[in-house]
Protein backbone atom coordinates (compact mmCIF):
# COMPACT_ATOMS: atom_id res chain seq x y z
CA MET A 1 33.18 51.16 -28.36
CA ALA A 2 32.52 52.62 -25.11
CA GLU A 3 28.85 52.86 -25.58
CA LYS A 4 28.85 49.56 -26.75
CA ASN A 5 30.24 48.39 -23.65
CA ARG A 6 28.01 50.21 -21.52
CA LYS A 7 25.34 48.31 -23.32
CA ALA A 8 26.65 45.06 -22.84
CA LEU A 9 27.32 46.24 -18.80
CA GLY A 10 23.57 47.04 -18.83
CA ARG A 11 22.05 44.16 -20.21
CA GLY A 12 24.37 42.02 -18.03
CA LEU A 13 23.10 43.73 -15.23
CA ASP A 14 19.33 43.41 -16.48
CA ALA A 15 19.84 39.51 -17.23
CA ILE A 16 21.16 39.24 -13.38
CA LEU A 17 18.14 41.24 -12.11
CA GLN A 18 15.64 39.59 -13.90
CA SER A 19 17.15 35.81 -14.03
CA PRO A 20 14.69 33.36 -12.65
CA GLU A 21 17.77 32.08 -10.43
CA THR A 22 17.82 35.03 -8.63
CA ASP A 23 14.16 36.71 -8.71
CA ILE A 24 11.42 34.43 -9.17
CA THR A 25 8.95 37.21 -9.20
CA SER A 26 10.74 39.16 -12.31
CA LYS A 27 9.82 38.73 -15.95
CA ASP A 28 11.74 35.86 -16.97
CA ILE A 29 13.89 36.91 -19.93
CA SER A 30 14.64 33.36 -20.87
CA GLY A 31 11.43 32.76 -22.03
CA ASN A 32 10.39 30.43 -18.80
CA TYR A 33 7.38 31.11 -17.06
CA VAL A 34 7.45 32.90 -13.90
CA ALA A 35 5.69 33.48 -10.58
CA GLY A 36 1.75 34.47 -11.33
CA ALA A 37 1.24 32.94 -14.30
CA VAL A 38 -1.01 29.95 -15.64
CA ALA A 39 0.90 27.71 -17.71
CA GLU A 40 1.43 24.33 -19.50
CA ILE A 41 4.48 22.85 -18.25
CA PRO A 42 6.53 19.51 -18.37
CA ILE A 43 5.57 17.12 -15.33
CA ASN A 44 9.08 16.45 -15.06
CA LEU A 45 10.03 19.42 -14.15
CA ILE A 46 7.77 19.34 -10.93
CA GLU A 47 9.14 18.08 -7.55
CA THR A 48 6.39 16.62 -5.51
CA ASN A 49 5.78 18.44 -2.07
CA PRO A 50 7.36 17.34 1.13
CA PHE A 51 4.99 18.76 3.11
CA GLN A 52 2.12 17.15 1.58
CA PRO A 53 -0.38 16.21 4.43
CA ARG A 54 -1.79 12.93 2.78
CA THR A 55 0.24 9.80 2.57
CA GLU A 56 -2.44 7.86 1.32
CA PHE A 57 -4.00 7.67 -2.23
CA ASP A 58 -6.71 5.29 -3.19
CA GLU A 59 -5.55 3.75 -6.47
CA ALA A 60 -8.85 3.10 -7.93
CA ALA A 61 -9.73 6.50 -7.76
CA LEU A 62 -6.58 7.53 -9.16
CA GLN A 63 -6.90 5.24 -12.20
CA GLU A 64 -10.61 6.55 -12.55
CA LEU A 65 -9.27 10.20 -12.45
CA ALA A 66 -6.42 9.20 -15.09
CA ASP A 67 -9.02 7.75 -17.22
CA SER A 68 -10.74 11.01 -17.40
CA ILE A 69 -7.69 13.18 -17.79
CA LYS A 70 -6.99 10.80 -20.88
CA GLU A 71 -10.36 11.89 -22.28
CA GLN A 72 -10.86 15.65 -21.00
CA GLY A 73 -7.47 16.80 -19.69
CA VAL A 74 -6.83 18.32 -16.18
CA ILE A 75 -9.68 20.89 -16.04
CA GLN A 76 -8.10 22.56 -12.72
CA PRO A 77 -4.58 23.49 -12.65
CA VAL A 78 -2.37 22.12 -10.04
CA THR A 79 -0.29 25.05 -7.81
CA VAL A 80 3.67 25.06 -7.90
CA ARG A 81 5.81 27.17 -6.85
CA LYS A 82 8.86 28.51 -8.69
CA LEU A 83 12.28 27.35 -7.45
CA GLY A 84 14.53 28.50 -10.40
CA TYR A 85 15.42 27.97 -13.66
CA ASN A 86 12.96 25.17 -15.02
CA ARG A 87 12.21 23.82 -11.53
CA TYR A 88 9.04 23.97 -10.08
CA GLN A 89 7.76 22.35 -6.37
CA LEU A 90 4.31 21.15 -6.17
CA ILE A 91 1.90 23.04 -3.59
CA SER A 92 -1.18 21.31 -4.08
CA GLY A 93 -2.85 18.85 -6.44
CA GLU A 94 -1.08 15.80 -6.23
CA ARG A 95 -3.94 13.48 -6.97
CA ARG A 96 -3.95 15.24 -10.44
CA LEU A 97 -0.33 15.19 -10.74
CA ARG A 98 -0.04 11.46 -9.96
CA ALA A 99 -3.13 10.58 -12.69
CA SER A 100 -1.84 12.94 -14.88
CA LYS A 101 1.40 10.53 -14.91
CA LEU A 102 -0.53 7.62 -14.96
CA ALA A 103 -2.56 8.77 -18.02
CA GLY A 104 0.67 9.12 -19.89
CA LYS A 105 0.37 13.15 -19.89
CA SER A 106 3.87 14.87 -20.32
CA THR A 107 2.67 18.18 -19.43
CA ILE A 108 0.10 19.76 -17.03
CA PRO A 109 -1.39 23.17 -16.57
CA VAL A 110 -0.50 24.76 -13.56
CA PHE A 111 -0.46 28.23 -11.58
CA ILE A 112 2.69 29.36 -10.68
CA ARG A 113 2.80 31.47 -7.04
CA VAL A 114 5.68 32.07 -4.72
CA ALA A 115 5.78 30.84 -1.30
CA ASN A 116 8.53 29.82 1.35
CA ASP A 117 8.64 26.67 3.43
CA GLU A 118 6.08 28.00 6.27
CA GLN A 119 3.82 29.31 3.48
CA MET A 120 4.10 26.05 1.55
CA LEU A 121 3.11 23.83 4.10
CA GLU A 122 -0.07 26.00 5.09
CA LEU A 123 -1.24 26.13 1.61
CA ALA A 124 -0.96 22.68 1.32
CA LEU A 125 -2.56 21.67 4.77
CA ILE A 126 -5.60 24.36 3.81
CA GLU A 127 -5.92 22.62 0.30
CA ASN A 128 -6.25 19.47 1.92
CA ILE A 129 -8.66 20.51 4.78
CA HIS A 130 -11.25 21.94 1.84
CA ARG A 131 -10.91 18.50 0.06
CA GLU A 132 -14.64 16.87 0.26
CA ASN A 133 -13.62 13.26 0.91
CA LEU A 134 -11.51 13.91 3.85
CA ASN A 135 -12.14 11.91 7.12
CA ALA A 136 -12.30 13.94 10.00
CA ILE A 137 -8.99 12.57 11.59
CA GLU A 138 -7.13 13.69 8.69
CA VAL A 139 -8.81 17.14 9.13
CA ALA A 140 -7.97 17.48 12.89
CA ILE A 141 -4.45 16.20 12.37
CA SER A 142 -4.04 18.83 9.53
CA TYR A 143 -5.63 21.51 11.92
CA GLN A 144 -2.79 20.53 14.67
CA ARG A 145 -0.07 21.01 12.12
CA LEU A 146 -1.12 24.56 11.38
CA ILE A 147 -1.20 25.27 15.41
CA ASN A 148 2.53 23.18 16.05
CA GLU A 149 4.36 23.69 12.66
CA CYS A 150 2.74 27.02 11.26
CA ASN A 151 2.55 29.15 14.77
CA MET A 152 -1.21 29.60 14.54
CA THR A 153 -3.90 29.94 17.46
CA GLN A 154 -7.08 28.40 17.29
CA GLU A 155 -8.69 31.09 15.93
CA GLU A 156 -6.16 32.38 13.78
CA VAL A 157 -6.76 28.49 12.13
CA SER A 158 -10.76 29.06 12.49
CA ASP A 159 -10.13 32.42 10.18
CA LYS A 160 -7.88 30.57 7.56
CA VAL A 161 -10.26 27.51 6.85
CA GLY A 162 -13.53 29.59 7.31
CA LYS A 163 -14.74 27.40 10.40
CA SER A 164 -15.84 28.70 13.49
CA ARG A 165 -13.32 28.36 16.30
CA SER A 166 -15.71 25.93 18.03
CA ALA A 167 -15.74 23.41 15.00
CA VAL A 168 -12.00 23.81 14.68
CA ALA A 169 -12.02 22.88 18.96
CA ASN A 170 -14.18 19.90 18.11
CA PHE A 171 -11.95 18.42 15.34
CA LEU A 172 -8.77 18.73 17.53
CA ARG A 173 -10.40 16.81 20.42
CA LEU A 174 -10.82 13.83 18.50
CA LEU A 175 -6.99 13.31 18.74
CA LYS A 176 -7.38 12.86 22.35
CA LEU A 177 -9.00 9.64 21.46
CA PRO A 178 -7.49 6.23 22.05
CA ALA A 179 -5.56 5.19 18.53
CA GLU A 180 -8.31 2.83 18.02
CA VAL A 181 -11.10 4.82 17.67
CA GLN A 182 -9.17 7.44 15.63
CA ILE A 183 -8.70 4.14 13.45
CA ALA A 184 -12.30 3.61 13.35
CA ILE A 185 -13.21 7.04 12.57
CA ARG A 186 -10.52 7.24 9.58
CA ASP A 187 -11.56 4.20 8.37
CA GLY A 188 -15.36 4.93 8.55
CA HIS A 189 -16.66 2.60 10.90
CA ILE A 190 -17.95 5.39 13.07
CA SER A 191 -18.68 9.18 12.60
CA MET A 192 -17.47 12.19 14.00
CA GLY A 193 -20.58 12.33 16.17
CA HIS A 194 -20.12 8.90 17.79
CA ALA A 195 -16.61 9.79 18.58
CA ARG A 196 -17.99 13.15 20.23
CA ALA A 197 -19.89 11.36 22.52
CA LEU A 198 -16.95 8.73 23.06
CA ILE A 199 -14.99 11.79 24.28
CA ASN A 200 -16.97 12.40 27.30
CA ILE A 201 -16.14 8.81 28.93
CA GLU A 202 -12.51 9.41 30.73
CA ASN A 203 -11.87 5.53 30.90
CA LYS A 204 -10.01 4.11 27.54
CA GLU A 205 -11.18 0.97 28.21
CA GLN A 206 -14.35 1.80 28.71
CA GLN A 207 -14.42 3.68 25.36
CA LEU A 208 -13.06 0.86 23.55
CA ARG A 209 -15.87 -1.78 24.64
CA LEU A 210 -18.49 1.21 23.97
CA LEU A 211 -16.84 1.42 20.45
CA GLN A 212 -16.97 -2.46 19.64
CA GLN A 213 -20.53 -2.11 20.85
CA ILE A 214 -21.30 0.87 18.22
CA ILE A 215 -19.95 -1.03 15.84
CA ASN A 216 -21.39 -4.59 16.30
CA GLU A 217 -24.75 -3.11 16.76
CA GLU A 218 -24.42 -0.16 14.25
CA MET A 219 -25.94 2.27 16.80
CA SER A 220 -26.94 5.90 15.57
CA VAL A 221 -25.21 9.03 16.90
CA ARG A 222 -28.35 9.66 19.10
CA GLN A 223 -28.07 5.79 20.85
CA THR A 224 -24.22 6.32 21.14
CA GLU A 225 -24.91 9.54 22.82
CA GLU A 226 -27.52 8.11 25.65
CA LEU A 227 -25.30 5.11 25.78
CA ALA A 228 -21.87 7.04 26.65
CA GLU A 229 -24.11 9.30 29.22
CA ASN A 230 -25.20 6.20 31.10
CA ALA A 231 -21.93 4.72 31.28
CA LYS A 232 -20.69 8.01 32.44
CA LYS A 233 -23.17 7.83 35.07
CA SER A 234 -22.05 4.28 36.09
CA GLY A 235 -18.54 5.04 35.75
CA LYS A 236 -18.94 8.02 38.47
CA LYS A 237 -21.09 5.72 40.80
CA GLU A 238 -18.31 2.68 40.35
CA ARG A 239 -15.62 5.06 41.44
CA LYS A 240 -17.72 6.55 44.37
CA GLN A 241 -17.95 2.93 45.82
CA THR A 242 -14.21 1.68 44.63
CA ASN A 243 -12.89 4.53 46.74
CA PHE A 244 -15.13 3.83 49.81
CA LEU A 245 -12.66 2.96 52.40
CA PRO A 246 -13.31 2.48 56.59
CA GLU A 247 -11.27 4.57 58.70
CA HIS A 248 -9.43 1.73 60.06
CA PHE A 249 -8.21 0.92 56.61
CA LYS A 250 -6.69 4.35 56.19
CA SER A 251 -4.60 3.81 59.37
CA LYS A 252 -3.27 0.57 58.48
CA ILE A 253 -2.43 1.71 54.99
CA LYS A 254 -0.59 4.63 56.18
CA THR A 255 1.39 1.94 58.71
CA LEU A 256 2.23 -0.33 55.93
CA SER A 257 3.69 2.65 53.98
CA GLN A 258 5.81 3.68 56.32
CA THR A 259 6.72 0.20 56.98
CA LEU A 260 7.83 -0.48 53.57
CA ASN A 261 8.68 3.19 52.69
CA THR A 262 6.80 3.37 49.47
CA LYS A 263 3.23 4.32 48.24
CA VAL A 264 0.52 2.20 49.15
CA LYS A 265 -2.84 2.06 47.53
CA VAL A 266 -5.95 -0.09 48.24
CA ASN A 267 -9.28 0.15 46.24
CA ARG A 268 -12.22 -1.42 47.84
CA GLY A 269 -15.85 -1.48 46.70
CA LEU A 270 -18.75 -1.74 48.89
CA ASN A 271 -19.00 -5.33 48.74
CA GLY A 272 -15.79 -5.71 50.48
CA LYS A 273 -13.60 -6.93 47.68
CA GLY A 274 -10.91 -4.66 46.79
CA SER A 275 -7.28 -4.98 45.91
CA LEU A 276 -3.83 -3.52 47.40
CA VAL A 277 -1.23 -1.86 44.97
CA ILE A 278 2.48 -1.40 46.38
CA ASP A 279 4.57 0.91 44.23
CA PHE A 280 8.08 0.38 43.47
CA LYS A 281 10.40 2.34 41.16
CA ASP A 282 13.09 -0.25 39.89
CA GLU A 283 13.93 -4.11 40.32
CA ALA A 284 16.12 -3.07 43.47
CA GLU A 285 13.61 -1.58 45.26
CA PHE A 286 10.98 -4.60 44.54
CA ASP A 287 13.64 -7.02 45.87
CA ARG A 288 13.98 -4.89 49.00
CA ILE A 289 10.21 -4.90 49.46
CA MET A 290 9.76 -8.57 49.07
CA GLU A 291 12.95 -9.24 51.39
CA LEU A 292 10.63 -7.01 54.22
CA PHE A 293 7.50 -9.62 53.42
CA SER A 294 9.89 -12.57 53.60
CA LYS A 295 10.97 -11.31 57.10
CA LYS A 296 7.45 -11.11 58.45
């Protein structure tokens, strides 16, 4: 009887240690698949990836993939992590999962691995980066997320994705461009080469003017580089002209600033034309300044 009880106790302890709910890396005595396995599992057991970097999926392309899956099945398994008993979470392969659902499939081949939340995000981002149809902005955003959310340096990102550090830096620089330029890259109106030429233009309005010219005239990258270089030189010359102020202007600006008790700025070109800018921090200060003018 005692021997029987010891066996029961041993079996119970073994079951606890090997349960998929307590150790997802152990052998699953219940017959379910465990981490490290490649298996065919029901689609309804797979949760979507909360760290999925991509938010837009082309419906026509998904339907085309679904038609292929109907004929040939899923050739490349998706990757999931095991959360517990009969619970899995997608790491990568959301297009294949969505297309399989469209194709009416009830199961899908998966590669099961262990990953915590940070590893999940890292794996999803890196898998996303290596997609062939990813645009430059999506790549740049993925690099930035690896830096911000996975606490990586640019050098660590370059090692993870197999790109040079300068290549990673060039992608990240795209995120400093105005939203309109980033959208043009995303939508395929301009290439990364066009965008890199625009980065060297400091003035946003000038960047946007050049963007329209590039798109309207269907300019090549080489033409864009020349256009940007000329615009940069022109901008430097214009700034020099605008900042030209005779000495008597400077003394009068100082006097006006002291009188109004606020910052005063004058922009003037060589042709004599210019503008006067008076700063105010709120409505009350604006009213105070205007009252001073009305007393003059």
